[in-house]
Amino acid sequence: MPAPLTTAQKLVEAEATLHSWMTGDRVAQWTDQNGESVRYAGQASLTQLRAYIAELRALLANPDAVAYRGPLRFTFGARRFF
């Protein structure tokens, strides 16, 4: 089994994918060493890729930080509690 990728390696591969996308090569699917694949199709995926790159850069800048993903909300049936 291959060794898992480091954050720096993930960032390099994600930036290479973004570069390919922006220069017209448009990589439709990218698979890392762990066998996980990511598919990019359309503008929404490009936005997600840029957000992923920003998250990796932030993680490299401060490895002890936890990514903020928004408030936790609980839903029970049709009611929503904040």
Protein backbone atom coordinates (compact mmCIF):
# COMPACT_ATOMS: atom_id res chain seq x y z
CA MET A 1 0.00 0.00 0.00
CA PRO A 2 1.45 3.38 -0.96
CA ALA A 3 2.22 5.94 1.71
CA PRO A 4 -0.48 8.58 2.26
CA LEU A 5 0.16 11.97 0.71
CA THR A 6 1.32 14.86 2.83
CA THR A 7 -0.52 18.17 2.77
CA ALA A 8 2.26 19.70 0.69
CA GLN A 9 2.01 16.91 -1.89
CA LYS A 10 -1.77 17.29 -2.04
CA LEU A 11 -1.34 21.02 -2.61
CA VAL A 12 1.14 20.48 -5.46
CA GLU A 13 -1.19 18.01 -7.17
CA ALA A 14 -4.26 20.21 -6.70
CA GLU A 15 -2.42 23.24 -8.11
CA ALA A 16 -1.23 21.16 -11.08
CA THR A 17 -4.82 20.11 -11.70
CA LEU A 18 -5.97 23.75 -11.54
CA HIS A 19 -3.20 24.75 -13.96
CA SER A 20 -4.23 22.01 -16.40
CA TRP A 21 -7.85 23.14 -16.12
CA MET A 22 -6.99 26.80 -16.71
CA THR A 23 -4.70 26.11 -19.70
CA GLY A 24 -7.32 24.07 -21.51
CA ASP A 25 -6.16 20.53 -20.77
CA ARG A 26 -9.20 20.23 -18.48
CA VAL A 27 -8.46 17.20 -16.42
CA ALA A 28 -11.88 15.64 -15.88
CA GLN A 29 -10.78 13.19 -13.20
CA TRP A 30 -7.83 13.12 -10.85
CA THR A 31 -6.78 10.10 -8.75
CA ASP A 32 -4.25 10.31 -5.92
CA GLN A 33 -1.97 7.58 -4.58
CA ASN A 34 -4.60 6.44 -2.09
CA GLY A 35 -6.97 5.59 -4.91
CA GLU A 36 -9.33 8.46 -4.09
CA SER A 37 -10.62 10.14 -7.21
CA VAL A 38 -12.01 13.62 -7.68
CA ARG A 39 -14.01 14.63 -10.73
CA TYR A 40 -14.12 18.22 -11.97
CA ALA A 41 -16.84 19.19 -14.40
CA GLY A 42 -17.97 22.76 -14.83
CA GLN A 43 -17.56 26.09 -13.07
CA ALA A 44 -18.89 24.85 -9.71
CA SER A 45 -16.17 22.21 -9.54
CA LEU A 46 -13.55 24.81 -10.42
CA THR A 47 -14.75 26.89 -7.48
CA GLN A 48 -14.56 23.82 -5.23
CA LEU A 49 -11.03 23.12 -6.45
CA ARG A 50 -9.95 26.68 -5.65
CA ALA A 51 -11.54 26.39 -2.19
CA TYR A 52 -9.70 23.10 -1.62
CA ILE A 53 -6.40 24.72 -2.60
CA ALA A 54 -7.07 27.62 -0.21
CA GLU A 55 -7.86 25.14 2.58
CA LEU A 56 -4.61 23.25 1.96
CA ARG A 57 -2.60 26.51 1.94
CA ALA A 58 -4.19 27.56 5.22
CA LEU A 59 -3.44 24.16 6.72
CA LEU A 60 0.21 24.46 5.67
CA ALA A 61 0.44 27.97 7.11
CA ASN A 62 -1.00 26.85 10.46
CA PRO A 63 -1.00 23.04 10.84
CA ASP A 64 -2.66 23.18 14.28
CA ALA A 65 -5.72 25.02 12.96
CA VAL A 66 -8.98 23.22 12.33
CA ALA A 67 -10.88 24.18 9.19
CA TYR A 68 -14.04 26.14 9.95
CA ARG A 69 -16.96 24.72 8.02
CA GLY A 70 -19.79 26.83 9.38
CA PRO A 71 -22.16 26.55 12.32
CA LEU A 72 -23.50 23.23 13.49
CA ARG A 73 -27.26 23.01 13.06
CA PHE A 74 -29.62 20.38 14.37
CA THR A 75 -32.75 19.38 12.55
CA PHE A 76 -35.54 17.27 13.97
CA GLY A 77 -38.27 16.47 11.48
CA ALA A 78 -39.52 19.65 9.86
CA ARG A 79 -38.23 21.94 12.61
CA ARG A 80 -34.81 23.47 12.53
CA PHE A 81 -33.06 24.50 15.73
CA PHE A 82 -30.20 26.97 15.68
